[in-house]
């Protein structure tokens, strides 16, 4: 439903066909997807480059949307993929058509071209417990 504040919806983001999937819920879908695309949406979407809106379902009430999100998160991965492919068989980015009111806009290939995963930070050394024997005490 479109409210004064935006579209209440449950949605799924991905980086490619059958790639990583993020499930979320928002009271302003267009603004939230914009945040994900800019890398400000969540750590998971920015870490894995999930900038493609592949599925969404609008709702009248936020409580129902949250309930749907929780149930989707319990789905097996194959079920989620099947749900996406029923609405969007090519896993195309639905954001542009959502923003333009249903008018199909060709995707921007440069949006995904240069994405690479971030380098993992090396683990930080932790101090040994006080009663831990050191090599000097042997």
C-alpha atoms as a PDB file:
ATOM      1  CA  UNK A   1       0.000   0.000   0.000  1.00  0.00           C
ATOM      2  CA  UNK A   2       1.180   3.511  -0.702  1.00  0.00           C
ATOM      3  CA  UNK A   3       0.882   5.632   2.418  1.00  0.00           C
ATOM      4  CA  UNK A   4       1.745   9.224   3.085  1.00  0.00           C
ATOM      5  CA  UNK A   5       5.223   7.997   4.065  1.00  0.00           C
ATOM      6  CA  UNK A   6       5.760   5.435   1.272  1.00  0.00           C
ATOM      7  CA  UNK A   7       5.117   1.820   0.339  1.00  0.00           C
ATOM      8  CA  UNK A   8       4.881  -0.691   3.201  1.00  0.00           C
ATOM      9  CA  UNK A   9       6.463  -3.878   1.892  1.00  0.00           C
ATOM     10  CA  UNK A  10       8.465  -7.001   2.542  1.00  0.00           C
ATOM     11  CA  UNK A  11      11.296  -7.361   0.004  1.00  0.00           C
ATOM     12  CA  UNK A  12      14.281  -9.430  -1.109  1.00  0.00           C
ATOM     13  CA  UNK A  13      17.607  -8.116  -2.381  1.00  0.00           C
ATOM     14  CA  UNK A  14      20.251 -10.070  -4.302  1.00  0.00           C
ATOM     15  CA  UNK A  15      23.510  -9.495  -6.164  1.00  0.00           C
ATOM     16  CA  UNK A  16      22.869 -11.892  -9.060  1.00  0.00           C
ATOM     17  CA  UNK A  17      20.629 -14.719 -10.192  1.00  0.00           C
ATOM     18  CA  UNK A  18      20.667 -17.387  -7.452  1.00  0.00           C
ATOM     19  CA  UNK A  19      23.160 -15.277  -5.491  1.00  0.00           C
ATOM     20  CA  UNK A  20      23.011 -14.139  -1.889  1.00  0.00           C
ATOM     21  CA  UNK A  21      19.569 -13.118  -0.644  1.00  0.00           C
ATOM     22  CA  UNK A  22      18.632 -10.497   1.947  1.00  0.00           C
ATOM     23  CA  UNK A  23      15.074 -10.282   3.283  1.00  0.00           C
ATOM     24  CA  UNK A  24      13.830  -7.044   4.786  1.00  0.00           C
ATOM     25  CA  UNK A  25      10.729  -5.006   5.577  1.00  0.00           C
ATOM     26  CA  UNK A  26      10.167  -1.269   5.269  1.00  0.00           C
ATOM     27  CA  UNK A  27       7.536   1.396   5.666  1.00  0.00           C
ATOM     28  CA  UNK A  28       9.102   3.352   2.785  1.00  0.00           C
ATOM     29  CA  UNK A  29      10.302   0.788   0.251  1.00  0.00           C
ATOM     30  CA  UNK A  30      11.727   3.185  -2.340  1.00  0.00           C
ATOM     31  CA  UNK A  31      13.846   5.086   0.204  1.00  0.00           C
ATOM     32  CA  UNK A  32      15.032   1.860   1.865  1.00  0.00           C
ATOM     33  CA  UNK A  33      16.114   0.272  -1.420  1.00  0.00           C
ATOM     34  CA  UNK A  34      17.920   3.520  -2.251  1.00  0.00           C
ATOM     35  CA  UNK A  35      19.855   3.156   1.016  1.00  0.00           C
ATOM     36  CA  UNK A  36      20.800  -0.440   0.164  1.00  0.00           C
ATOM     37  CA  UNK A  37      21.981   0.602  -3.291  1.00  0.00           C
ATOM     38  CA  UNK A  38      24.187   3.327  -1.761  1.00  0.00           C
ATOM     39  CA  UNK A  39      25.681   0.819   0.707  1.00  0.00           C
ATOM     40  CA  UNK A  40      23.950   2.342   3.760  1.00  0.00           C
ATOM     41  CA  UNK A  41      21.073  -0.164   4.113  1.00  0.00           C
ATOM     42  CA  UNK A  42      22.614  -2.902   6.230  1.00  0.00           C
ATOM     43  CA  UNK A  43      25.989  -4.505   6.806  1.00  0.00           C
ATOM     44  CA  UNK A  44      24.891  -7.682   5.032  1.00  0.00           C
ATOM     45  CA  UNK A  45      23.789  -5.926   1.834  1.00  0.00           C
ATOM     46  CA  UNK A  46      26.896  -3.725   1.683  1.00  0.00           C
ATOM     47  CA  UNK A  47      29.272  -6.625   2.465  1.00  0.00           C
ATOM     48  CA  UNK A  48      27.893  -8.858  -0.300  1.00  0.00           C
ATOM     49  CA  UNK A  49      26.958  -6.110  -2.805  1.00  0.00           C
ATOM     50  CA  UNK A  50      23.223  -6.826  -2.704  1.00  0.00           C
ATOM     51  CA  UNK A  51      21.897  -3.905  -4.757  1.00  0.00           C
ATOM     52  CA  UNK A  52      19.274  -5.653  -6.858  1.00  0.00           C
ATOM     53  CA  UNK A  53      15.623  -5.590  -5.701  1.00  0.00           C
ATOM     54  CA  UNK A  54      14.404  -8.978  -6.971  1.00  0.00           C
ATOM     55  CA  UNK A  55      11.078  -9.392  -5.127  1.00  0.00           C
ATOM     56  CA  UNK A  56       8.675  -7.350  -3.029  1.00  0.00           C
ATOM     57  CA  UNK A  57       5.168  -7.654  -1.662  1.00  0.00           C
ATOM     58  CA  UNK A  58       3.204  -4.548  -0.589  1.00  0.00           C
ATOM     59  CA  UNK A  59       1.004  -4.618   2.518  1.00  0.00           C
ATOM     60  CA  UNK A  60      -1.667  -2.461   4.133  1.00  0.00           C
ATOM     61  CA  UNK A  61      -0.231  -2.815   7.656  1.00  0.00           C
ATOM     62  CA  UNK A  62       3.346  -2.867   8.898  1.00  0.00           C
ATOM     63  CA  UNK A  63       2.553  -5.642  11.399  1.00  0.00           C
ATOM     64  CA  UNK A  64       1.476  -7.961   8.577  1.00  0.00           C
ATOM     65  CA  UNK A  65       4.611  -7.081   6.576  1.00  0.00           C
ATOM     66  CA  UNK A  66       6.819  -7.904   9.573  1.00  0.00           C
ATOM     67  CA  UNK A  67       4.996 -11.202  10.024  1.00  0.00           C
ATOM     68  CA  UNK A  68       5.638 -12.050   6.351  1.00  0.00           C
ATOM     69  CA  UNK A  69       9.330 -11.156   6.690  1.00  0.00           C
ATOM     70  CA  UNK A  70       9.715 -13.478   9.675  1.00  0.00           C
ATOM     71  CA  UNK A  71       8.021 -16.347   7.862  1.00  0.00           C
ATOM     72  CA  UNK A  72      10.168 -15.823   4.728  1.00  0.00           C
ATOM     73  CA  UNK A  73      13.335 -15.974   6.814  1.00  0.00           C
ATOM     74  CA  UNK A  74      12.283 -19.466   7.944  1.00  0.00           C
ATOM     75  CA  UNK A  75      11.781 -20.653   4.333  1.00  0.00           C
ATOM     76  CA  UNK A  76      14.343 -22.972   2.792  1.00  0.00           C
ATOM     77  CA  UNK A  77      16.557 -21.298   0.200  1.00  0.00           C
ATOM     78  CA  UNK A  78      14.947 -23.193  -2.706  1.00  0.00           C
ATOM     79  CA  UNK A  79      11.517 -21.907  -1.657  1.00  0.00           C
ATOM     80  CA  UNK A  80      12.800 -18.324  -1.607  1.00  0.00           C
ATOM     81  CA  UNK A  81      14.300 -18.748  -5.085  1.00  0.00           C
ATOM     82  CA  UNK A  82      11.022 -20.231  -6.339  1.00  0.00           C
ATOM     83  CA  UNK A  83       9.071 -17.289  -4.887  1.00  0.00           C
ATOM     84  CA  UNK A  84      11.403 -14.819  -6.605  1.00  0.00           C
ATOM     85  CA  UNK A  85      11.225 -16.645  -9.938  1.00  0.00           C
ATOM     86  CA  UNK A  86       7.410 -16.706  -9.941  1.00  0.00           C
ATOM     87  CA  UNK A  87       7.394 -12.887  -9.948  1.00  0.00           C
ATOM     88  CA  UNK A  88      10.765 -12.208 -11.580  1.00  0.00           C
ATOM     89  CA  UNK A  89      12.099 -15.214 -13.567  1.00  0.00           C
ATOM     90  CA  UNK A  90      15.289 -13.412 -14.661  1.00  0.00           C
ATOM     91  CA  UNK A  91      16.041 -11.952 -11.213  1.00  0.00           C
ATOM     92  CA  UNK A  92      15.988  -8.491 -12.837  1.00  0.00           C
ATOM     93  CA  UNK A  93      16.332  -5.342 -10.744  1.00  0.00           C
ATOM     94  CA  UNK A  94      12.769  -4.141 -10.018  1.00  0.00           C
ATOM     95  CA  UNK A  95      13.824  -0.844  -8.434  1.00  0.00           C
ATOM     96  CA  UNK A  96      13.754   1.265 -11.612  1.00  0.00           C
ATOM     97  CA  UNK A  97      10.257   0.113 -12.595  1.00  0.00           C
ATOM     98  CA  UNK A  98       9.095   0.682  -9.001  1.00  0.00           C
ATOM     99  CA  UNK A  99      10.418   4.258  -9.006  1.00  0.00           C
ATOM    100  CA  UNK A 100       9.046   5.063 -12.460  1.00  0.00           C
ATOM    101  CA  UNK A 101       5.584   3.712 -11.631  1.00  0.00           C
ATOM    102  CA  UNK A 102       5.769   0.443 -13.560  1.00  0.00           C
ATOM    103  CA  UNK A 103       7.439   1.787 -16.702  1.00  0.00           C
ATOM    104  CA  UNK A 104      10.244  -0.609 -17.632  1.00  0.00           C
ATOM    105  CA  UNK A 105      13.655   1.052 -17.525  1.00  0.00           C
ATOM    106  CA  UNK A 106      16.730  -0.859 -18.724  1.00  0.00           C
ATOM    107  CA  UNK A 107      19.119  -1.685 -15.872  1.00  0.00           C
ATOM    108  CA  UNK A 108      22.380   0.190 -15.487  1.00  0.00           C
ATOM    109  CA  UNK A 109      25.171  -2.378 -16.058  1.00  0.00           C
ATOM    110  CA  UNK A 110      27.761  -0.105 -14.425  1.00  0.00           C
ATOM    111  CA  UNK A 111      25.967  -0.401 -11.087  1.00  0.00           C
ATOM    112  CA  UNK A 112      27.229  -3.975 -10.557  1.00  0.00           C
ATOM    113  CA  UNK A 113      30.333  -4.092 -12.759  1.00  0.00           C
ATOM    114  CA  UNK A 114      33.029  -2.912 -10.340  1.00  0.00           C
ATOM    115  CA  UNK A 115      31.804  -4.536  -7.133  1.00  0.00           C
ATOM    116  CA  UNK A 116      34.329  -6.701  -5.332  1.00  0.00           C
ATOM    117  CA  UNK A 117      34.080  -8.154  -1.830  1.00  0.00           C
ATOM    118  CA  UNK A 118      35.866  -6.264   0.912  1.00  0.00           C
ATOM    119  CA  UNK A 119      39.095  -7.749   2.242  1.00  0.00           C
ATOM    120  CA  UNK A 120      38.655  -9.567   5.530  1.00  0.00           C
ATOM    121  CA  UNK A 121      40.428  -7.905   8.424  1.00  0.00           C
ATOM    122  CA  UNK A 122      42.994 -10.080  10.204  1.00  0.00           C
ATOM    123  CA  UNK A 123      41.898 -11.215  13.662  1.00  0.00           C
ATOM    124  CA  UNK A 124      43.075  -9.049  16.538  1.00  0.00           C
ATOM    125  CA  UNK A 125      45.408 -10.778  19.018  1.00  0.00           C
ATOM    126  CA  UNK A 126      43.831 -11.367  22.400  1.00  0.00           C
ATOM    127  CA  UNK A 127      45.791 -11.464  25.667  1.00  0.00           C
ATOM    128  CA  UNK A 128      46.274 -14.832  27.336  1.00  0.00           C
ATOM    129  CA  UNK A 129      44.471 -15.519  30.610  1.00  0.00           C
ATOM    130  CA  UNK A 130      46.456 -14.599  33.748  1.00  0.00           C
ATOM    131  CA  UNK A 131      46.876 -18.214  34.886  1.00  0.00           C
ATOM    132  CA  UNK A 132      47.908 -19.480  31.438  1.00  0.00           C
ATOM    133  CA  UNK A 133      51.447 -20.978  31.453  1.00  0.00           C
ATOM    134  CA  UNK A 134      53.917 -19.240  29.187  1.00  0.00           C
ATOM    135  CA  UNK A 135      56.868 -20.878  27.440  1.00  0.00           C
ATOM    136  CA  UNK A 136      59.224 -19.299  30.059  1.00  0.00           C
ATOM    137  CA  UNK A 137      57.609 -21.206  32.955  1.00  0.00           C
ATOM    138  CA  UNK A 138      58.151 -24.730  31.625  1.00  0.00           C
END
